[in-house]
Each structure stands twice: as structure tokens, then as C-alpha cells.
Amino acid sequence: VVLGVAQDGGRPHLGCEAVCCESARNEGRVDSPACIGIY
């Protein structure tokens, strides 16, 4: 199962005030760094 698809800093990204991260902040969305799990 895929547990994250973002780069190390995720999204929203610390220090980013562009629309890519401001939109995520406004929506309360958090995209976590790349990670997979196996059961």
C-alpha cells in the first residue's frame, strides 16, 4: 500500500508561499513524503 507520494518536505512545504502550498494549507491538505508499506 502506498503511504506517501511527496518529496521529503511534503506538501504544504515549509517556507513555500506559492499557490501549490497555499492551496493545500487552505484546504487542510497534507501530502506526506514517499513511503510504502507491505502486509
All heavy atoms as atom14 arrays in JSON, in Angstrom:
{
  "sequence": "VVLGVAQDGGRPHLGCEAVCCESARNEGRVDSPACIGIY",
  "atom14_mask": [
    [1, 1, 1, 1, 1, 1, 1, 0, 0, 0, 0, 0, 0, 0],
    [1, 1, 1, 1, 1, 1, 1, 0, 0, 0, 0, 0, 0, 0],
    [1, 1, 1, 1, 1, 1, 1, 1, 0, 0, 0, 0, 0, 0],
    [1, 1, 1, 1, 0, 0, 0, 0, 0, 0, 0, 0, 0, 0],
    [1, 1, 1, 1, 1, 1, 1, 0, 0, 0, 0, 0, 0, 0],
    [1, 1, 1, 1, 1, 0, 0, 0, 0, 0, 0, 0, 0, 0],
    [1, 1, 1, 1, 1, 1, 1, 1, 1, 0, 0, 0, 0, 0],
    [1, 1, 1, 1, 1, 1, 1, 1, 0, 0, 0, 0, 0, 0],
    [1, 1, 1, 1, 0, 0, 0, 0, 0, 0, 0, 0, 0, 0],
    [1, 1, 1, 1, 0, 0, 0, 0, 0, 0, 0, 0, 0, 0],
    [1, 1, 1, 1, 1, 1, 1, 1, 1, 1, 1, 0, 0, 0],
    [1, 1, 1, 1, 1, 1, 1, 0, 0, 0, 0, 0, 0, 0],
    [1, 1, 1, 1, 1, 1, 1, 1, 1, 1, 0, 0, 0, 0],
    [1, 1, 1, 1, 1, 1, 1, 1, 0, 0, 0, 0, 0, 0],
    [1, 1, 1, 1, 0, 0, 0, 0, 0, 0, 0, 0, 0, 0],
    [1, 1, 1, 1, 1, 1, 0, 0, 0, 0, 0, 0, 0, 0],
    [1, 1, 1, 1, 1, 1, 1, 1, 1, 0, 0, 0, 0, 0],
    [1, 1, 1, 1, 1, 0, 0, 0, 0, 0, 0, 0, 0, 0],
    [1, 1, 1, 1, 1, 1, 1, 0, 0, 0, 0, 0, 0, 0],
    [1, 1, 1, 1, 1, 1, 0, 0, 0, 0, 0, 0, 0, 0],
    [1, 1, 1, 1, 1, 1, 0, 0, 0, 0, 0, 0, 0, 0],
    [1, 1, 1, 1, 1, 1, 1, 1, 1, 0, 0, 0, 0, 0],
    [1, 1, 1, 1, 1, 1, 0, 0, 0, 0, 0, 0, 0, 0],
    [1, 1, 1, 1, 1, 0, 0, 0, 0, 0, 0, 0, 0, 0],
    [1, 1, 1, 1, 1, 1, 1, 1, 1, 1, 1, 0, 0, 0],
    [1, 1, 1, 1, 1, 1, 1, 1, 0, 0, 0, 0, 0, 0],
    [1, 1, 1, 1, 1, 1, 1, 1, 1, 0, 0, 0, 0, 0],
    [1, 1, 1, 1, 0, 0, 0, 0, 0, 0, 0, 0, 0, 0],
    [1, 1, 1, 1, 1, 1, 1, 1, 1, 1, 1, 0, 0, 0],
    [1, 1, 1, 1, 1, 1, 1, 0, 0, 0, 0, 0, 0, 0],
    [1, 1, 1, 1, 1, 1, 1, 1, 0, 0, 0, 0, 0, 0],
    [1, 1, 1, 1, 1, 1, 0, 0, 0, 0, 0, 0, 0, 0],
    [1, 1, 1, 1, 1, 1, 1, 0, 0, 0, 0, 0, 0, 0],
    [1, 1, 1, 1, 1, 0, 0, 0, 0, 0, 0, 0, 0, 0],
    [1, 1, 1, 1, 1, 1, 0, 0, 0, 0, 0, 0, 0, 0],
    [1, 1, 1, 1, 1, 1, 1, 1, 0, 0, 0, 0, 0, 0],
    [1, 1, 1, 1, 0, 0, 0, 0, 0, 0, 0, 0, 0, 0],
    [1, 1, 1, 1, 1, 1, 1, 1, 0, 0, 0, 0, 0, 0],
    [1, 1, 1, 1, 1, 1, 1, 1, 1, 1, 1, 1, 0, 0]
  ],
  "atom14_positions": [
    [[0.86, -1.18, 0.0], [0.0, 0.0, 0.0], [0.9, 1.24, 0.0], [1.92, 1.28, 0.67], [-0.95, 0.0, 1.22], [-0.2, -0.01, 2.54], [-1.89, 1.21, 1.16], [0.0, 0.0, 0.0], [0.0, 0.0, 0.0], [0.0, 0.0, 0.0], [0.0, 0.0, 0.0], [0.0, 0.0, 0.0], [0.0, 0.0, 0.0], [0.0, 0.0, 0.0]],
    [[0.51, 2.24, -0.8], [1.26, 3.49, -0.87], [0.84, 4.39, 0.29], [-0.34, 4.69, 0.46], [1.02, 4.2, -2.22], [1.66, 5.58, -2.23], [1.57, 3.35, -3.37], [0.0, 0.0, 0.0], [0.0, 0.0, 0.0], [0.0, 0.0, 0.0], [0.0, 0.0, 0.0], [0.0, 0.0, 0.0], [0.0, 0.0, 0.0], [0.0, 0.0, 0.0]],
    [[1.83, 4.83, 1.07], [1.57, 5.62, 2.28], [1.98, 7.08, 2.14], [1.76, 7.87, 3.06], [2.3, 4.99, 3.47], [1.97, 3.54, 3.79], [2.87, 3.0, 4.89], [0.5, 3.38, 4.17], [0.0, 0.0, 0.0], [0.0, 0.0, 0.0], [0.0, 0.0, 0.0], [0.0, 0.0, 0.0], [0.0, 0.0, 0.0], [0.0, 0.0, 0.0]],
    [[2.6, 7.44, 1.02], [3.0, 8.82, 0.8], [3.6, 8.96, -0.59], [4.21, 8.02, -1.09], [0.0, 0.0, 0.0], [0.0, 0.0, 0.0], [0.0, 0.0, 0.0], [0.0, 0.0, 0.0], [0.0, 0.0, 0.0], [0.0, 0.0, 0.0], [0.0, 0.0, 0.0], [0.0, 0.0, 0.0], [0.0, 0.0, 0.0], [0.0, 0.0, 0.0]],
    [[3.41, 10.13, -1.21], [3.89, 10.31, -2.58], [4.69, 11.6, -2.77], [5.16, 11.88, -3.87], [2.72, 10.29, -3.59], [1.98, 8.97, -3.53], [1.76, 11.45, -3.37], [0.0, 0.0, 0.0], [0.0, 0.0, 0.0], [0.0, 0.0, 0.0], [0.0, 0.0, 0.0], [0.0, 0.0, 0.0], [0.0, 0.0, 0.0], [0.0, 0.0, 0.0]],
    [[4.89, 12.39, -1.73], [5.55, 13.68, -1.86], [7.06, 13.58, -1.64], [7.57, 12.57, -1.16], [4.95, 14.69, -0.9], [0.0, 0.0, 0.0], [0.0, 0.0, 0.0], [0.0, 0.0, 0.0], [0.0, 0.0, 0.0], [0.0, 0.0, 0.0], [0.0, 0.0, 0.0], [0.0, 0.0, 0.0], [0.0, 0.0, 0.0], [0.0, 0.0, 0.0]],
    [[7.75, 14.65, -1.98], [9.19, 14.78, -1.72], [9.4, 14.98, -0.22], [8.44, 15.14, 0.54], [9.74, 15.94, -2.57], [11.24, 16.16, -2.5], [11.62, 17.22, -1.5], [10.77, 17.84, -0.85], [12.92, 17.43, -1.34], [0.0, 0.0, 0.0], [0.0, 0.0, 0.0], [0.0, 0.0, 0.0], [0.0, 0.0, 0.0], [0.0, 0.0, 0.0]],
    [[10.63, 14.99, 0.23], [10.99, 14.97, 1.64], [10.21, 15.94, 2.53], [9.82, 15.61, 3.64], [12.48, 15.26, 1.81], [13.37, 14.23, 1.15], [13.01, 13.75, 0.06], [14.43, 13.89, 1.71], [0.0, 0.0, 0.0], [0.0, 0.0, 0.0], [0.0, 0.0, 0.0], [0.0, 0.0, 0.0], [0.0, 0.0, 0.0], [0.0, 0.0, 0.0]],
    [[10.01, 17.18, 2.03], [9.33, 18.18, 2.84], [7.83, 18.11, 2.8], [7.15, 18.84, 3.52], [0.0, 0.0, 0.0], [0.0, 0.0, 0.0], [0.0, 0.0, 0.0], [0.0, 0.0, 0.0], [0.0, 0.0, 0.0], [0.0, 0.0, 0.0], [0.0, 0.0, 0.0], [0.0, 0.0, 0.0], [0.0, 0.0, 0.0], [0.0, 0.0, 0.0]],
    [[7.28, 17.21, 1.99], [5.84, 17.07, 1.89], [5.19, 18.31, 1.29], [5.85, 19.19, 0.75], [0.0, 0.0, 0.0], [0.0, 0.0, 0.0], [0.0, 0.0, 0.0], [0.0, 0.0, 0.0], [0.0, 0.0, 0.0], [0.0, 0.0, 0.0], [0.0, 0.0, 0.0], [0.0, 0.0, 0.0], [0.0, 0.0, 0.0], [0.0, 0.0, 0.0]],
    [[3.87, 18.36, 1.38], [3.09, 19.49, 0.9], [1.91, 19.69, 1.83], [1.18, 18.72, 2.07], [2.61, 19.25, -0.54], [1.99, 20.49, -1.19], [1.62, 20.22, -2.64], [0.37, 19.45, -2.7], [-0.82, 19.96, -3.06], [-0.93, 21.23, -3.38], [-1.89, 19.21, -3.1], [0.0, 0.0, 0.0], [0.0, 0.0, 0.0], [0.0, 0.0, 0.0]],
    [[1.73, 20.91, 2.41], [2.5, 22.13, 2.19], [3.94, 22.03, 2.69], [4.24, 21.28, 3.61], [1.72, 23.2, 2.95], [0.77, 22.49, 3.84], [0.62, 21.11, 3.36], [0.0, 0.0, 0.0], [0.0, 0.0, 0.0], [0.0, 0.0, 0.0], [0.0, 0.0, 0.0], [0.0, 0.0, 0.0], [0.0, 0.0, 0.0], [0.0, 0.0, 0.0]],
    [[4.79, 22.83, 2.07], [6.22, 22.77, 2.26], [6.67, 23.99, 3.07], [6.26, 25.11, 2.77], [6.88, 22.77, 0.88], [8.31, 22.37, 0.84], [9.33, 23.25, 1.06], [8.89, 21.18, 0.57], [10.49, 22.62, 0.92], [10.25, 21.37, 0.64], [0.0, 0.0, 0.0], [0.0, 0.0, 0.0], [0.0, 0.0, 0.0], [0.0, 0.0, 0.0]],
    [[7.48, 23.77, 4.09], [7.95, 24.88, 4.92], [8.61, 25.95, 4.06], [9.48, 25.67, 3.26], [8.95, 24.36, 5.95], [9.56, 25.41, 6.89], [8.48, 26.02, 7.78], [10.67, 24.8, 7.75], [0.0, 0.0, 0.0], [0.0, 0.0, 0.0], [0.0, 0.0, 0.0], [0.0, 0.0, 0.0], [0.0, 0.0, 0.0], [0.0, 0.0, 0.0]],
    [[8.15, 27.2, 4.23], [8.75, 28.32, 3.52], [8.17, 28.59, 2.16], [8.53, 29.58, 1.52], [0.0, 0.0, 0.0], [0.0, 0.0, 0.0], [0.0, 0.0, 0.0], [0.0, 0.0, 0.0], [0.0, 0.0, 0.0], [0.0, 0.0, 0.0], [0.0, 0.0, 0.0], [0.0, 0.0, 0.0], [0.0, 0.0, 0.0], [0.0, 0.0, 0.0]],
    [[7.25, 27.76, 1.69], [6.66, 27.96, 0.37], [5.35, 28.73, 0.5], [4.43, 28.28, 1.19], [6.41, 26.64, -0.34], [5.59, 26.84, -1.96], [0.0, 0.0, 0.0], [0.0, 0.0, 0.0], [0.0, 0.0, 0.0], [0.0, 0.0, 0.0], [0.0, 0.0, 0.0], [0.0, 0.0, 0.0], [0.0, 0.0, 0.0], [0.0, 0.0, 0.0]],
    [[5.28, 29.88, -0.17], [4.06, 30.7, -0.15], [3.4, 30.76, -1.52], [2.51, 31.58, -1.74], [4.41, 32.11, 0.34], [4.96, 32.12, 1.76], [5.42, 33.48, 2.22], [5.53, 34.38, 1.35], [5.68, 33.64, 3.42], [0.0, 0.0, 0.0], [0.0, 0.0, 0.0], [0.0, 0.0, 0.0], [0.0, 0.0, 0.0], [0.0, 0.0, 0.0]],
    [[3.83, 29.87, -2.41], [3.22, 29.8, -3.75], [1.89, 29.07, -3.68], [1.55, 28.43, -2.68], [4.17, 29.1, -4.72], [0.0, 0.0, 0.0], [0.0, 0.0, 0.0], [0.0, 0.0, 0.0], [0.0, 0.0, 0.0], [0.0, 0.0, 0.0], [0.0, 0.0, 0.0], [0.0, 0.0, 0.0], [0.0, 0.0, 0.0], [0.0, 0.0, 0.0]],
    [[1.14, 29.13, -4.78], [-0.21, 28.55, -4.8], [-0.19, 27.06, -4.54], [-1.14, 26.5, -3.95], [-0.91, 28.86, -6.14], [-0.2, 28.19, -7.31], [-2.38, 28.45, -6.09], [0.0, 0.0, 0.0], [0.0, 0.0, 0.0], [0.0, 0.0, 0.0], [0.0, 0.0, 0.0], [0.0, 0.0, 0.0], [0.0, 0.0, 0.0], [0.0, 0.0, 0.0]],
    [[0.9, 26.35, -4.93], [0.95, 24.9, -4.73], [0.81, 24.53, -3.26], [0.19, 23.52, -2.93], [2.25, 24.34, -5.31], [3.76, 25.09, -4.65], [0.0, 0.0, 0.0], [0.0, 0.0, 0.0], [0.0, 0.0, 0.0], [0.0, 0.0, 0.0], [0.0, 0.0, 0.0], [0.0, 0.0, 0.0], [0.0, 0.0, 0.0], [0.0, 0.0, 0.0]],
    [[1.37, 25.35, -2.38], [1.3, 25.04, -0.94], [0.22, 25.83, -0.23], [-0.39, 25.33, 0.72], [2.66, 25.28, -0.3], [3.91, 24.08, -0.84], [0.0, 0.0, 0.0], [0.0, 0.0, 0.0], [0.0, 0.0, 0.0], [0.0, 0.0, 0.0], [0.0, 0.0, 0.0], [0.0, 0.0, 0.0], [0.0, 0.0, 0.0], [0.0, 0.0, 0.0]],
    [[-0.03, 27.07, -0.68], [-1.1, 27.84, -0.07], [-2.45, 27.17, -0.27], [-3.29, 27.14, 0.62], [-1.13, 29.26, -0.64], [-0.05, 30.17, -0.08], [-0.14, 30.37, 1.42], [-1.26, 30.58, 1.94], [0.91, 30.28, 2.09], [0.0, 0.0, 0.0], [0.0, 0.0, 0.0], [0.0, 0.0, 0.0], [0.0, 0.0, 0.0], [0.0, 0.0, 0.0]],
    [[-2.65, 26.58, -1.46], [-3.92, 25.89, -1.7], [-4.06, 24.69, -0.77], [-5.15, 24.42, -0.25], [-4.01, 25.43, -3.16], [-2.96, 24.53, -3.48], [0.0, 0.0, 0.0], [0.0, 0.0, 0.0], [0.0, 0.0, 0.0], [0.0, 0.0, 0.0], [0.0, 0.0, 0.0], [0.0, 0.0, 0.0], [0.0, 0.0, 0.0], [0.0, 0.0, 0.0]],
    [[-2.96, 23.96, -0.55], [-3.02, 22.82, 0.37], [-3.3, 23.28, 1.79], [-4.1, 22.66, 2.51], [-1.69, 22.06, 0.31], [0.0, 0.0, 0.0], [0.0, 0.0, 0.0], [0.0, 0.0, 0.0], [0.0, 0.0, 0.0], [0.0, 0.0, 0.0], [0.0, 0.0, 0.0], [0.0, 0.0, 0.0], [0.0, 0.0, 0.0], [0.0, 0.0, 0.0]],
    [[-2.67, 24.38, 2.21], [-2.93, 24.9, 3.56], [-4.39, 25.3, 3.72], [-5.03, 24.99, 4.74], [-2.02, 26.1, 3.84], [-0.55, 25.77, 3.98], [0.26, 26.98, 4.45], [1.68, 26.64, 4.43], [2.52, 27.01, 3.46], [2.06, 27.75, 2.45], [3.78, 26.65, 3.49], [0.0, 0.0, 0.0], [0.0, 0.0, 0.0], [0.0, 0.0, 0.0]],
    [[-4.91, 26.0, 2.72], [-6.29, 26.47, 2.81], [-7.29, 25.32, 2.84], [-8.36, 25.43, 3.44], [-6.6, 27.4, 1.63], [-5.81, 28.7, 1.7], [-5.36, 29.11, 2.77], [-5.61, 29.34, 0.56], [0.0, 0.0, 0.0], [0.0, 0.0, 0.0], [0.0, 0.0, 0.0], [0.0, 0.0, 0.0], [0.0, 0.0, 0.0], [0.0, 0.0, 0.0]],
    [[-6.94, 24.22, 2.18], [-7.82, 23.05, 2.14], [-7.6, 22.11, 3.33], [-8.34, 21.14, 3.49], [-7.58, 22.26, 0.85], [-7.93, 23.03, -0.42], [-7.39, 22.34, -1.66], [-6.84, 21.23, -1.54], [-7.51, 22.92, -2.77], [0.0, 0.0, 0.0], [0.0, 0.0, 0.0], [0.0, 0.0, 0.0], [0.0, 0.0, 0.0], [0.0, 0.0, 0.0]],
    [[-6.58, 22.41, 4.14], [-6.25, 21.5, 5.24], [-5.67, 20.2, 4.75], [-5.76, 19.16, 5.42], [0.0, 0.0, 0.0], [0.0, 0.0, 0.0], [0.0, 0.0, 0.0], [0.0, 0.0, 0.0], [0.0, 0.0, 0.0], [0.0, 0.0, 0.0], [0.0, 0.0, 0.0], [0.0, 0.0, 0.0], [0.0, 0.0, 0.0], [0.0, 0.0, 0.0]],
    [[-5.04, 20.23, 3.56], [-4.49, 19.01, 2.96], [-3.03, 18.85, 3.35], [-2.26, 19.8, 3.36], [-4.63, 19.07, 1.44], [-3.91, 17.95, 0.72], [-4.24, 17.87, -0.74], [-3.52, 16.77, -1.38], [-3.84, 16.26, -2.55], [-4.88, 16.71, -3.21], [-3.13, 15.27, -3.07], [0.0, 0.0, 0.0], [0.0, 0.0, 0.0], [0.0, 0.0, 0.0]],
    [[-2.64, 17.62, 3.66], [-1.25, 17.3, 3.97], [-0.83, 16.1, 3.12], [-1.44, 15.03, 3.2], [-1.05, 16.96, 5.46], [0.4, 16.56, 5.71], [-1.42, 18.16, 6.33], [0.0, 0.0, 0.0], [0.0, 0.0, 0.0], [0.0, 0.0, 0.0], [0.0, 0.0, 0.0], [0.0, 0.0, 0.0], [0.0, 0.0, 0.0], [0.0, 0.0, 0.0]],
    [[0.18, 16.29, 2.29], [0.73, 15.21, 1.48], [2.07, 14.79, 2.06], [3.0, 15.59, 2.14], [0.9, 15.66, 0.02], [-0.44, 15.92, -0.65], [-1.2, 14.96, -0.81], [-0.74, 17.09, -0.98], [0.0, 0.0, 0.0], [0.0, 0.0, 0.0], [0.0, 0.0, 0.0], [0.0, 0.0, 0.0], [0.0, 0.0, 0.0], [0.0, 0.0, 0.0]],
    [[2.17, 13.55, 2.5], [3.33, 13.05, 3.22], [4.42, 12.56, 2.26], [4.15, 12.21, 1.11], [2.92, 11.9, 4.15], [1.99, 12.35, 5.11], [0.0, 0.0, 0.0], [0.0, 0.0, 0.0], [0.0, 0.0, 0.0], [0.0, 0.0, 0.0], [0.0, 0.0, 0.0], [0.0, 0.0, 0.0], [0.0, 0.0, 0.0], [0.0, 0.0, 0.0]],
    [[5.67, 12.5, 2.75], [6.78, 12.02, 1.92], [6.6, 10.57, 1.46], [5.88, 9.78, 2.09], [8.0, 12.15, 2.84], [7.62, 13.22, 3.8], [6.15, 13.03, 4.04], [0.0, 0.0, 0.0], [0.0, 0.0, 0.0], [0.0, 0.0, 0.0], [0.0, 0.0, 0.0], [0.0, 0.0, 0.0], [0.0, 0.0, 0.0], [0.0, 0.0, 0.0]],
    [[7.28, 10.24, 0.37], [7.15, 8.93, -0.27], [7.46, 7.8, 0.69], [8.48, 7.8, 1.38], [8.08, 8.85, -1.48], [0.0, 0.0, 0.0], [0.0, 0.0, 0.0], [0.0, 0.0, 0.0], [0.0, 0.0, 0.0], [0.0, 0.0, 0.0], [0.0, 0.0, 0.0], [0.0, 0.0, 0.0], [0.0, 0.0, 0.0], [0.0, 0.0, 0.0]],
    [[6.57, 6.81, 0.72], [6.7, 5.68, 1.64], [5.73, 4.6, 1.19], [4.64, 4.9, 0.68], [6.36, 6.14, 3.06], [6.34, 4.83, 4.31], [0.0, 0.0, 0.0], [0.0, 0.0, 0.0], [0.0, 0.0, 0.0], [0.0, 0.0, 0.0], [0.0, 0.0, 0.0], [0.0, 0.0, 0.0], [0.0, 0.0, 0.0], [0.0, 0.0, 0.0]],
    [[6.13, 3.35, 1.34], [5.2, 2.24, 1.08], [5.23, 1.27, 2.25], [6.22, 1.17, 2.98], [5.52, 1.5, -0.24], [6.93, 0.91, -0.21], [5.33, 2.4, -1.44], [7.26, 0.08, -1.46], [0.0, 0.0, 0.0], [0.0, 0.0, 0.0], [0.0, 0.0, 0.0], [0.0, 0.0, 0.0], [0.0, 0.0, 0.0], [0.0, 0.0, 0.0]],
    [[4.12, 0.56, 2.42], [4.02, -0.47, 3.45], [3.62, -1.79, 2.81], [3.02, -1.82, 1.73], [0.0, 0.0, 0.0], [0.0, 0.0, 0.0], [0.0, 0.0, 0.0], [0.0, 0.0, 0.0], [0.0, 0.0, 0.0], [0.0, 0.0, 0.0], [0.0, 0.0, 0.0], [0.0, 0.0, 0.0], [0.0, 0.0, 0.0], [0.0, 0.0, 0.0]],
    [[3.95, -2.89, 3.47], [3.61, -4.22, 2.97], [3.08, -5.06, 4.13], [3.61, -5.03, 5.24], [4.85, -4.91, 2.34], [5.31, -4.11, 1.11], [4.53, -6.35, 1.95], [6.61, -4.61, 0.5], [0.0, 0.0, 0.0], [0.0, 0.0, 0.0], [0.0, 0.0, 0.0], [0.0, 0.0, 0.0], [0.0, 0.0, 0.0], [0.0, 0.0, 0.0]],
    [[2.01, -5.81, 3.85], [1.36, -6.67, 4.85], [1.42, -8.11, 4.4], [1.16, -8.42, 3.23], [-0.1, -6.22, 5.0], [-0.94, -7.08, 5.91], [-0.6, -7.26, 7.25], [-2.09, -7.7, 5.43], [-1.39, -8.04, 8.09], [-2.89, -8.48, 6.26], [-2.53, -8.65, 7.59], [-3.32, -9.42, 8.41], [0.0, 0.0, 0.0], [0.0, 0.0, 0.0]]
  ]
}
